Amino acid sequence: MPIIEMHMLEGRSLEDKARLAEKVTAACVEALDCSPNTVRILITEHRNGEFFVAGKAGRASDQAAAAAAADTTSKTE
């Protein structure tokens, strides 16, 4: 029985998580030749201050946007 554990920042809708679970289940069924009824998926959500990328809180995309904005600001000063 495959058990898939995922961690993500909170804020996704139930519909988003259900769509993700359907696609991950389908991938397990294809890759492992198992029944969908045997696939278990656990999703743990974390608040922004509980999720770090490269030592900084938040999503990598948020960090890249903040860095780009800071770079633009420093060039105009």
Foldseek 3Di string as FASTA:
>chain_A
DAEAEEEEAPDDDPVVVVVVLVVVLVVCCVVVVDDSVVYHYHYHHDHQQVDDDPRHTHDPVVVVVVVVVVVVVVVVD
